[in-house]
Amino acid sequence: MIVAGILAPLEHALRAVLDWLGPHGTIGLPWGWSIVALTILVRVVLVPLTVKQIHSMQALQAHAPQMKEIQRKYKGDRQRQNEELMKFYKENNINPAASCLPMLAQIPVFFALYFVLRHFHPGQHDNLSWLGLVDITAKASTGWGPLLIVIYASSQIASSYFMSATVDKSQRIMFMVLPIAFIPFIIRFQAGLVLYWVTTNLWTVGQGLITRRLVPQKGVALPKRSSRTPPKGAAEDGAARKAPEPKAAPAAAPRRVKRKKRARR
């Protein structure tokens, strides 16, 4: 299999980490909790990408009014709209793809872990149960696996809520619905893979809560603008500032009334 050959080095690395974390390794965790610990280690390694993701989301939020103005201005010409948005991203050093980097980086890890778990067999490995309920080598559709699927769907929706904070309403709804649509596909995987994804979803939720509370929003003090897309009302305000105020008319000098001299008698 081509994918297995490409991911072979990553598969061997994950196997070595799991052996180190597992029951017969240095840490001595059960295999289920070893997967949880492995997930946390992967997310720690991805922290630099996560920082870029947070900065990208902040930049998108800070420039959201200007981007909406571009979309409104060119709503009838989708190609021109995309061109103007790309120019705007370039002028303001915005990388919208940075918000997807942690997710994309985890896809190879997910499939490499799938190949690792294929070689786990109850007769050769012990402590394969997680919380005494779920066998990590069995399909998620068996036993208590559906409960893990419910936890997966809930955590994925919560994770999508934080990941889609900068997209429009229709796209956000799509991100919230996709986890439910993926359930028939996810339920065929081994429970250990679902456990990995549940853990990374919970990490994303915690990251989103901490980011909202502790990471300050970047100042929105009039971010850099393109000359092609002045914000609404800016032209009128500028004209009002430049227009000279009407000068008050000089006060009229008081008229002097000459008194008639009385004739002497």
C-alpha atoms as a PDB file:
ATOM      1  CA  MET A   1       0.000   0.000   0.000  1.00  0.00           C
ATOM      2  CA  ILE A   2       1.438   3.342  -1.113  1.00  0.00           C
ATOM      3  CA  VAL A   3       0.119   5.302   1.875  1.00  0.00           C
ATOM      4  CA  ALA A   4       1.564   2.753   4.304  1.00  0.00           C
ATOM      5  CA  GLY A   5       4.953   3.017   2.608  1.00  0.00           C
ATOM      6  CA  ILE A   6       4.956   6.811   2.776  1.00  0.00           C
ATOM      7  CA  LEU A   7       3.903   6.826   6.435  1.00  0.00           C
ATOM      8  CA  ALA A   8       6.235   4.001   7.476  1.00  0.00           C
ATOM      9  CA  PRO A   9       8.785   6.282   9.255  1.00  0.00           C
ATOM     10  CA  LEU A  10       5.970   8.017  11.163  1.00  0.00           C
ATOM     11  CA  GLU A  11       4.407   4.653  11.999  1.00  0.00           C
ATOM     12  CA  HIS A  12       7.694   3.393  13.477  1.00  0.00           C
ATOM     13  CA  ALA A  13       8.073   6.615  15.485  1.00  0.00           C
ATOM     14  CA  LEU A  14       4.554   6.309  16.928  1.00  0.00           C
ATOM     15  CA  ARG A  15       5.126   2.650  17.755  1.00  0.00           C
ATOM     16  CA  ALA A  16       8.320   3.556  19.636  1.00  0.00           C
ATOM     17  CA  VAL A  17       6.527   6.297  21.595  1.00  0.00           C
ATOM     18  CA  LEU A  18       3.626   3.964  22.457  1.00  0.00           C
ATOM     19  CA  ASP A  19       6.052   1.273  23.599  1.00  0.00           C
ATOM     20  CA  TRP A  20       7.759   3.877  25.829  1.00  0.00           C
ATOM     21  CA  LEU A  21       4.411   4.984  27.260  1.00  0.00           C
ATOM     22  CA  GLY A  22       2.826   1.528  27.397  1.00  0.00           C
ATOM     23  CA  PRO A  23       2.562  -1.139  30.108  1.00  0.00           C
ATOM     24  CA  HIS A  24       5.991  -2.607  29.390  1.00  0.00           C
ATOM     25  CA  GLY A  25       7.731   0.697  28.772  1.00  0.00           C
ATOM     26  CA  THR A  26       9.271   3.364  30.967  1.00  0.00           C
ATOM     27  CA  ILE A  27       5.996   5.120  31.851  1.00  0.00           C
ATOM     28  CA  GLY A  28       3.872   1.980  32.289  1.00  0.00           C
ATOM     29  CA  LEU A  29       0.469   3.308  31.226  1.00  0.00           C
ATOM     30  CA  PRO A  30      -2.307   1.037  29.922  1.00  0.00           C
ATOM     31  CA  TRP A  31      -2.528   1.122  26.133  1.00  0.00           C
ATOM     32  CA  GLY A  32      -5.689   3.255  26.127  1.00  0.00           C
ATOM     33  CA  TRP A  33      -4.117   5.948  28.284  1.00  0.00           C
ATOM     34  CA  SER A  34      -0.935   5.639  26.231  1.00  0.00           C
ATOM     35  CA  ILE A  35      -2.956   6.789  23.207  1.00  0.00           C
ATOM     36  CA  VAL A  36      -4.276   9.730  25.241  1.00  0.00           C
ATOM     37  CA  ALA A  37      -0.733  10.645  26.313  1.00  0.00           C
ATOM     38  CA  LEU A  38       0.510  10.245  22.729  1.00  0.00           C
ATOM     39  CA  THR A  39      -2.190  12.653  21.536  1.00  0.00           C
ATOM     40  CA  ILE A  40      -1.118  15.234  24.106  1.00  0.00           C
ATOM     41  CA  LEU A  41       2.522  14.888  23.030  1.00  0.00           C
ATOM     42  CA  VAL A  42       1.518  15.382  19.379  1.00  0.00           C
ATOM     43  CA  ARG A  43      -0.416  18.549  20.266  1.00  0.00           C
ATOM     44  CA  VAL A  44       2.547  19.861  22.261  1.00  0.00           C
ATOM     45  CA  VAL A  45       4.789  19.353  19.217  1.00  0.00           C
ATOM     46  CA  LEU A  46       2.221  21.245  17.118  1.00  0.00           C
ATOM     47  CA  VAL A  47       2.195  24.267  19.465  1.00  0.00           C
ATOM     48  CA  PRO A  48       4.130  26.497  16.964  1.00  0.00           C
ATOM     49  CA  LEU A  49       1.469  25.792  14.333  1.00  0.00           C
ATOM     50  CA  THR A  50      -1.213  26.434  16.939  1.00  0.00           C
ATOM     51  CA  VAL A  51       0.293  29.865  17.698  1.00  0.00           C
ATOM     52  CA  LYS A  52       0.187  30.700  13.980  1.00  0.00           C
ATOM     53  CA  GLN A  53      -3.415  29.523  13.923  1.00  0.00           C
ATOM     54  CA  ILE A  54      -4.354  31.838  16.807  1.00  0.00           C
ATOM     55  CA  HIS A  55      -2.625  34.827  15.200  1.00  0.00           C
ATOM     56  CA  SER A  56      -4.360  34.083  11.895  1.00  0.00           C
ATOM     57  CA  MET A  57      -7.762  33.935  13.574  1.00  0.00           C
ATOM     58  CA  GLN A  58      -7.100  37.227  15.370  1.00  0.00           C
ATOM     59  CA  ALA A  59      -6.042  38.903  12.114  1.00  0.00           C
ATOM     60  CA  LEU A  60      -9.143  37.642  10.333  1.00  0.00           C
ATOM     61  CA  GLN A  61     -11.349  38.949  13.129  1.00  0.00           C
ATOM     62  CA  ALA A  62      -9.617  42.347  13.139  1.00  0.00           C
ATOM     63  CA  HIS A  63     -10.062  42.776   9.369  1.00  0.00           C
ATOM     64  CA  ALA A  64     -13.507  41.175   9.125  1.00  0.00           C
ATOM     65  CA  PRO A  65     -15.369  44.462   8.395  1.00  0.00           C
ATOM     66  CA  GLN A  66     -13.062  45.269   5.470  1.00  0.00           C
ATOM     67  CA  MET A  67     -13.318  41.772   4.031  1.00  0.00           C
ATOM     68  CA  LYS A  68     -17.114  41.906   4.265  1.00  0.00           C
ATOM     69  CA  GLU A  69     -17.025  45.224   2.418  1.00  0.00           C
ATOM     70  CA  ILE A  70     -14.988  43.605  -0.388  1.00  0.00           C
ATOM     71  CA  GLN A  71     -17.461  40.724  -0.558  1.00  0.00           C
ATOM     72  CA  ARG A  72     -20.375  43.173  -0.685  1.00  0.00           C
ATOM     73  CA  LYS A  73     -18.733  45.324  -3.354  1.00  0.00           C
ATOM     74  CA  TYR A  74     -17.973  42.399  -5.689  1.00  0.00           C
ATOM     75  CA  LYS A  75     -20.825  40.055  -4.752  1.00  0.00           C
ATOM     76  CA  GLY A  76     -21.845  39.815  -8.409  1.00  0.00           C
ATOM     77  CA  ASP A  77     -18.363  38.827  -9.625  1.00  0.00           C
ATOM     78  CA  ARG A  78     -16.967  35.884  -7.661  1.00  0.00           C
ATOM     79  CA  GLN A  79     -13.655  35.805  -9.564  1.00  0.00           C
ATOM     80  CA  ARG A  80     -13.000  39.514  -8.971  1.00  0.00           C
ATOM     81  CA  GLN A  81     -14.047  39.091  -5.346  1.00  0.00           C
ATOM     82  CA  ASN A  82     -11.477  36.323  -4.821  1.00  0.00           C
ATOM     83  CA  GLU A  83      -8.779  38.375  -6.545  1.00  0.00           C
ATOM     84  CA  GLU A  84      -9.451  41.398  -4.347  1.00  0.00           C
ATOM     85  CA  LEU A  85      -9.485  39.243  -1.213  1.00  0.00           C
ATOM     86  CA  MET A  86      -6.143  37.678  -2.168  1.00  0.00           C
ATOM     87  CA  LYS A  87      -4.660  41.144  -2.695  1.00  0.00           C
ATOM     88  CA  PHE A  88      -6.069  42.252   0.638  1.00  0.00           C
ATOM     89  CA  TYR A  89      -4.549  39.220   2.401  1.00  0.00           C
ATOM     90  CA  LYS A  90      -1.171  39.949   0.828  1.00  0.00           C
ATOM     91  CA  GLU A  91      -1.213  43.670   1.693  1.00  0.00           C
ATOM     92  CA  ASN A  92      -2.125  42.961   5.314  1.00  0.00           C
ATOM     93  CA  ASN A  93       0.108  39.861   5.808  1.00  0.00           C
ATOM     94  CA  ILE A  94      -2.854  37.552   6.448  1.00  0.00           C
ATOM     95  CA  ASN A  95      -2.592  33.805   5.859  1.00  0.00           C
ATOM     96  CA  PRO A  96      -6.109  32.319   6.072  1.00  0.00           C
ATOM     97  CA  ALA A  97      -4.721  28.794   5.562  1.00  0.00           C
ATOM     98  CA  ALA A  98      -2.789  29.035   8.840  1.00  0.00           C
ATOM     99  CA  SER A  99      -5.990  28.291  10.789  1.00  0.00           C
ATOM    100  CA  CYS A 100      -6.076  24.787   9.227  1.00  0.00           C
ATOM    101  CA  LEU A 101      -2.422  23.846   9.758  1.00  0.00           C
ATOM    102  CA  PRO A 102      -2.821  21.920  13.081  1.00  0.00           C
ATOM    103  CA  MET A 103      -5.690  19.892  11.630  1.00  0.00           C
ATOM    104  CA  LEU A 104      -3.797  19.055   8.427  1.00  0.00           C
ATOM    105  CA  ALA A 105      -0.680  18.087  10.389  1.00  0.00           C
ATOM    106  CA  GLN A 106      -2.673  15.553  12.426  1.00  0.00           C
ATOM    107  CA  ILE A 107      -4.053  13.631   9.440  1.00  0.00           C
ATOM    108  CA  PRO A 108      -0.767  11.723   8.804  1.00  0.00           C
ATOM    109  CA  VAL A 109      -0.540  10.950  12.530  1.00  0.00           C
ATOM    110  CA  PHE A 110      -4.098   9.585  12.473  1.00  0.00           C
ATOM    111  CA  PHE A 111      -3.391   7.181   9.602  1.00  0.00           C
ATOM    112  CA  ALA A 112       0.008   6.167  10.986  1.00  0.00           C
ATOM    113  CA  LEU A 113      -1.701   5.306  14.281  1.00  0.00           C
ATOM    114  CA  TYR A 114      -4.216   3.265  12.292  1.00  0.00           C
ATOM    115  CA  PHE A 115      -1.373   1.155  10.891  1.00  0.00           C
ATOM    116  CA  VAL A 116       0.139   0.797  14.373  1.00  0.00           C
ATOM    117  CA  LEU A 117      -3.119  -0.463  15.904  1.00  0.00           C
ATOM    118  CA  ARG A 118      -3.541  -3.047  13.128  1.00  0.00           C
ATOM    119  CA  HIS A 119      -0.702  -5.020  14.755  1.00  0.00           C
ATOM    120  CA  PHE A 120      -2.271  -4.949  18.231  1.00  0.00           C
ATOM    121  CA  HIS A 121      -3.817  -8.314  19.119  1.00  0.00           C
ATOM    122  CA  PRO A 122      -5.481  -9.325  22.395  1.00  0.00           C
ATOM    123  CA  GLY A 123      -3.356 -12.460  22.582  1.00  0.00           C
ATOM    124  CA  GLN A 124      -0.085 -10.531  22.290  1.00  0.00           C
ATOM    125  CA  HIS A 125      -0.923  -7.341  24.216  1.00  0.00           C
ATOM    126  CA  ASP A 126      -2.496  -6.825  27.623  1.00  0.00           C
ATOM    127  CA  ASN A 127      -4.332  -3.827  29.135  1.00  0.00           C
ATOM    128  CA  LEU A 128      -6.127  -3.131  25.865  1.00  0.00           C
ATOM    129  CA  SER A 129      -9.259  -1.873  27.645  1.00  0.00           C
ATOM    130  CA  TRP A 130      -9.867   1.827  28.250  1.00  0.00           C
ATOM    131  CA  LEU A 131     -11.738   2.578  31.498  1.00  0.00           C
ATOM    132  CA  GLY A 132     -12.686  -1.093  31.568  1.00  0.00           C
ATOM    133  CA  LEU A 133     -15.316  -0.417  28.897  1.00  0.00           C
ATOM    134  CA  VAL A 134     -13.787  -0.025  25.455  1.00  0.00           C
ATOM    135  CA  ASP A 135     -11.325  -2.350  23.739  1.00  0.00           C
ATOM    136  CA  ILE A 136      -9.051  -0.063  21.726  1.00  0.00           C
ATOM    137  CA  THR A 137      -8.430  -2.753  19.110  1.00  0.00           C
ATOM    138  CA  ALA A 138     -12.140  -3.461  18.468  1.00  0.00           C
ATOM    139  CA  LYS A 139     -14.322  -1.483  16.109  1.00  0.00           C
ATOM    140  CA  ALA A 140     -16.035   1.506  17.647  1.00  0.00           C
ATOM    141  CA  SER A 141     -19.410   0.012  16.741  1.00  0.00           C
ATOM    142  CA  THR A 142     -19.059  -2.841  19.268  1.00  0.00           C
ATOM    143  CA  GLY A 143     -19.595  -2.939  23.028  1.00  0.00           C
ATOM    144  CA  TRP A 144     -19.380   0.495  24.636  1.00  0.00           C
ATOM    145  CA  GLY A 145     -17.862   1.913  21.462  1.00  0.00           C
ATOM    146  CA  PRO A 146     -21.048   3.856  20.504  1.00  0.00           C
ATOM    147  CA  LEU A 147     -20.692   5.808  23.764  1.00  0.00           C
ATOM    148  CA  LEU A 148     -17.223   6.824  22.604  1.00  0.00           C
ATOM    149  CA  ILE A 149     -18.754   7.853  19.267  1.00  0.00           C
ATOM    150  CA  VAL A 150     -21.234  10.105  21.082  1.00  0.00           C
ATOM    151  CA  ILE A 151     -18.349  11.703  22.988  1.00  0.00           C
ATOM    152  CA  TYR A 152     -16.494  12.094  19.690  1.00  0.00           C
ATOM    153  CA  ALA A 153     -19.442  13.835  17.992  1.00  0.00           C
ATOM    154  CA  SER A 154     -19.972  16.206  20.944  1.00  0.00           C
ATOM    155  CA  SER A 155     -16.288  17.078  21.205  1.00  0.00           C
ATOM    156  CA  GLN A 156     -15.996  17.517  17.421  1.00  0.00           C
ATOM    157  CA  ILE A 157     -18.925  19.947  17.351  1.00  0.00           C
ATOM    158  CA  ALA A 158     -17.416  21.922  20.242  1.00  0.00           C
ATOM    159  CA  SER A 159     -14.030  21.906  18.505  1.00  0.00           C
ATOM    160  CA  SER A 160     -15.596  23.080  15.221  1.00  0.00           C
ATOM    161  CA  TYR A 161     -17.288  25.925  17.114  1.00  0.00           C
ATOM    162  CA  PHE A 162     -13.904  27.372  18.082  1.00  0.00           C
ATOM    163  CA  MET A 163     -12.192  26.521  14.788  1.00  0.00           C
ATOM    164  CA  SER A 164     -14.867  28.247  12.676  1.00  0.00           C
ATOM    165  CA  ALA A 165     -15.099  31.473  14.663  1.00  0.00           C
ATOM    166  CA  THR A 166     -13.896  33.595  11.718  1.00  0.00           C
ATOM    167  CA  VAL A 167     -16.002  32.126   8.888  1.00  0.00           C
ATOM    168  CA  ASP A 168     -19.439  33.236   7.773  1.00  0.00           C
ATOM    169  CA  LYS A 169     -22.642  31.763   9.162  1.00  0.00           C
ATOM    170  CA  SER A 170     -23.328  29.244   6.374  1.00  0.00           C
ATOM    171  CA  GLN A 171     -19.803  27.805   6.520  1.00  0.00           C
ATOM    172  CA  ARG A 172     -19.953  27.638  10.296  1.00  0.00           C
ATOM    173  CA  ILE A 173     -23.174  25.622  10.131  1.00  0.00           C
ATOM    174  CA  MET A 174     -21.485  23.263   7.676  1.00  0.00           C
ATOM    175  CA  PHE A 175     -18.542  22.775  10.060  1.00  0.00           C
ATOM    176  CA  MET A 176     -20.977  21.996  12.872  1.00  0.00           C
ATOM    177  CA  VAL A 177     -22.940  19.449  10.815  1.00  0.00           C
ATOM    178  CA  LEU A 178     -19.958  17.602   9.258  1.00  0.00           C
ATOM    179  CA  PRO A 179     -19.059  15.667  12.460  1.00  0.00           C
ATOM    180  CA  ILE A 180     -22.509  14.057  12.414  1.00  0.00           C
ATOM    181  CA  ALA A 181     -22.136  13.179   8.725  1.00  0.00           C
ATOM    182  CA  PHE A 182     -18.779  11.491   9.441  1.00  0.00           C
ATOM    183  CA  ILE A 183     -20.171   9.127  12.107  1.00  0.00           C
ATOM    184  CA  PRO A 184     -20.963   6.235   9.674  1.00  0.00           C
ATOM    185  CA  PHE A 185     -17.341   6.478   8.499  1.00  0.00           C
ATOM    186  CA  ILE A 186     -15.719   6.928  11.937  1.00  0.00           C
ATOM    187  CA  ILE A 187     -17.659   4.084  13.564  1.00  0.00           C
ATOM    188  CA  ARG A 188     -15.819   1.563  11.354  1.00  0.00           C
ATOM    189  CA  PHE A 189     -12.429   2.524  12.795  1.00  0.00           C
ATOM    190  CA  GLN A 190     -10.846   0.945  15.851  1.00  0.00           C
ATOM    191  CA  ALA A 191     -11.865   2.497  19.147  1.00  0.00           C
ATOM    192  CA  GLY A 192      -8.255   3.543  19.770  1.00  0.00           C
ATOM    193  CA  LEU A 193      -8.390   5.878  16.762  1.00  0.00           C
ATOM    194  CA  VAL A 194     -11.653   7.400  17.973  1.00  0.00           C
ATOM    195  CA  LEU A 195     -10.050   7.876  21.391  1.00  0.00           C
ATOM    196  CA  TYR A 196      -7.165   9.724  19.721  1.00  0.00           C
ATOM    197  CA  TRP A 197      -9.564  12.077  17.921  1.00  0.00           C
ATOM    198  CA  VAL A 198     -11.677  12.660  21.043  1.00  0.00           C
ATOM    199  CA  THR A 199      -8.549  13.680  22.958  1.00  0.00           C
ATOM    200  CA  THR A 200      -7.378  16.099  20.268  1.00  0.00           C
ATOM    201  CA  ASN A 201     -10.891  17.604  20.089  1.00  0.00           C
ATOM    202  CA  LEU A 202     -10.925  18.185  23.838  1.00  0.00           C
ATOM    203  CA  TRP A 203      -7.472  19.775  23.558  1.00  0.00           C
ATOM    204  CA  THR A 204      -8.818  22.132  20.883  1.00  0.00           C
ATOM    205  CA  VAL A 205     -11.796  23.071  23.064  1.00  0.00           C
ATOM    206  CA  GLY A 206      -9.513  23.824  26.023  1.00  0.00           C
ATOM    207  CA  GLN A 207      -7.205  25.788  23.743  1.00  0.00           C
ATOM    208  CA  GLY A 208     -10.151  27.833  22.475  1.00  0.00           C
ATOM    209  CA  LEU A 209     -11.351  28.645  25.998  1.00  0.00           C
ATOM    210  CA  ILE A 210      -7.860  29.678  27.137  1.00  0.00           C
ATOM    211  CA  THR A 211      -7.318  31.745  23.996  1.00  0.00           C
ATOM    212  CA  ARG A 212     -10.542  33.678  24.517  1.00  0.00           C
ATOM    213  CA  ARG A 213      -9.676  34.493  28.111  1.00  0.00           C
ATOM    214  CA  LEU A 214      -5.912  34.988  28.178  1.00  0.00           C
ATOM    215  CA  VAL A 215      -4.790  35.954  24.664  1.00  0.00           C
ATOM    216  CA  PRO A 216      -5.576  39.647  24.067  1.00  0.00           C
ATOM    217  CA  GLN A 217      -7.195  40.622  20.822  1.00  0.00           C
ATOM    218  CA  LYS A 218      -4.900  42.453  18.470  1.00  0.00           C
ATOM    219  CA  GLY A 219      -5.588  46.134  18.401  1.00  0.00           C
ATOM    220  CA  VAL A 220      -8.142  47.086  15.822  1.00  0.00           C
ATOM    221  CA  ALA A 221      -6.776  50.621  15.671  1.00  0.00           C
ATOM    222  CA  LEU A 222      -7.510  51.227  12.014  1.00  0.00           C
ATOM    223  CA  PRO A 223      -5.625  48.298  10.450  1.00  0.00           C
ATOM    224  CA  LYS A 224      -3.887  48.737   7.149  1.00  0.00           C
ATOM    225  CA  ARG A 225      -6.361  49.328   4.354  1.00  0.00           C
ATOM    226  CA  SER A 226      -6.275  48.952   0.643  1.00  0.00           C
ATOM    227  CA  SER A 227      -6.976  52.017  -1.454  1.00  0.00           C
ATOM    228  CA  ARG A 228      -9.465  49.960  -3.410  1.00  0.00           C
ATOM    229  CA  THR A 229     -11.700  49.232  -0.449  1.00  0.00           C
ATOM    230  CA  PRO A 230     -12.159  52.252   1.808  1.00  0.00           C
ATOM    231  CA  PRO A 231     -14.467  51.515   4.708  1.00  0.00           C
ATOM    232  CA  LYS A 232     -18.019  52.684   4.451  1.00  0.00           C
ATOM    233  CA  GLY A 233     -18.450  56.320   5.290  1.00  0.00           C
ATOM    234  CA  ALA A 234     -14.722  57.078   5.242  1.00  0.00           C
ATOM    235  CA  ALA A 235     -14.954  59.293   2.160  1.00  0.00           C
ATOM    236  CA  GLU A 236     -17.782  61.330   3.644  1.00  0.00           C
ATOM    237  CA  ASP A 237     -15.954  61.737   6.945  1.00  0.00           C
ATOM    238  CA  GLY A 238     -12.759  62.840   5.160  1.00  0.00           C
ATOM    239  CA  ALA A 239     -14.620  65.358   3.059  1.00  0.00           C
ATOM    240  CA  ALA A 240     -16.328  66.718   6.144  1.00  0.00           C
ATOM    241  CA  ARG A 241     -12.973  67.180   7.866  1.00  0.00           C
ATOM    242  CA  LYS A 242     -11.407  68.927   4.874  1.00  0.00           C
ATOM    243  CA  ALA A 243     -14.327  71.303   4.166  1.00  0.00           C
ATOM    244  CA  PRO A 244     -13.603  74.744   5.656  1.00  0.00           C
ATOM    245  CA  GLU A 245     -16.045  76.020   8.177  1.00  0.00           C
ATOM    246  CA  PRO A 246     -18.044  79.085   7.042  1.00  0.00           C
ATOM    247  CA  LYS A 247     -16.668  82.286   8.490  1.00  0.00           C
ATOM    248  CA  ALA A 248     -18.972  84.370  10.583  1.00  0.00           C
ATOM    249  CA  ALA A 249     -19.921  87.751   9.066  1.00  0.00           C
ATOM    250  CA  PRO A 250     -18.220  90.693  10.792  1.00  0.00           C
ATOM    251  CA  ALA A 251     -20.404  92.503  13.253  1.00  0.00           C
ATOM    252  CA  ALA A 252     -21.811  95.757  11.925  1.00  0.00           C
ATOM    253  CA  ALA A 253     -20.359  98.891  13.537  1.00  0.00           C
ATOM    254  CA  PRO A 254     -22.854 100.750  15.753  1.00  0.00           C
ATOM    255  CA  ARG A 255     -24.427 103.727  14.050  1.00  0.00           C
ATOM    256  CA  ARG A 256     -23.849 107.102  15.570  1.00  0.00           C
ATOM    257  CA  VAL A 257     -26.919 109.219  15.945  1.00  0.00           C
ATOM    258  CA  LYS A 258     -26.299 112.938  15.513  1.00  0.00           C
ATOM    259  CA  ARG A 259     -28.247 115.103  17.843  1.00  0.00           C
ATOM    260  CA  LYS A 260     -29.726 118.307  16.476  1.00  0.00           C
ATOM    261  CA  LYS A 261     -28.524 121.430  18.166  1.00  0.00           C
ATOM    262  CA  ARG A 262     -31.217 123.370  19.855  1.00  0.00           C
ATOM    263  CA  ALA A 263     -31.607 127.008  18.712  1.00  0.00           C
ATOM    264  CA  ARG A 264     -30.733 129.563  21.306  1.00  0.00           C
ATOM    265  CA  ARG A 265     -33.445 131.912  22.394  1.00  0.00           C
END
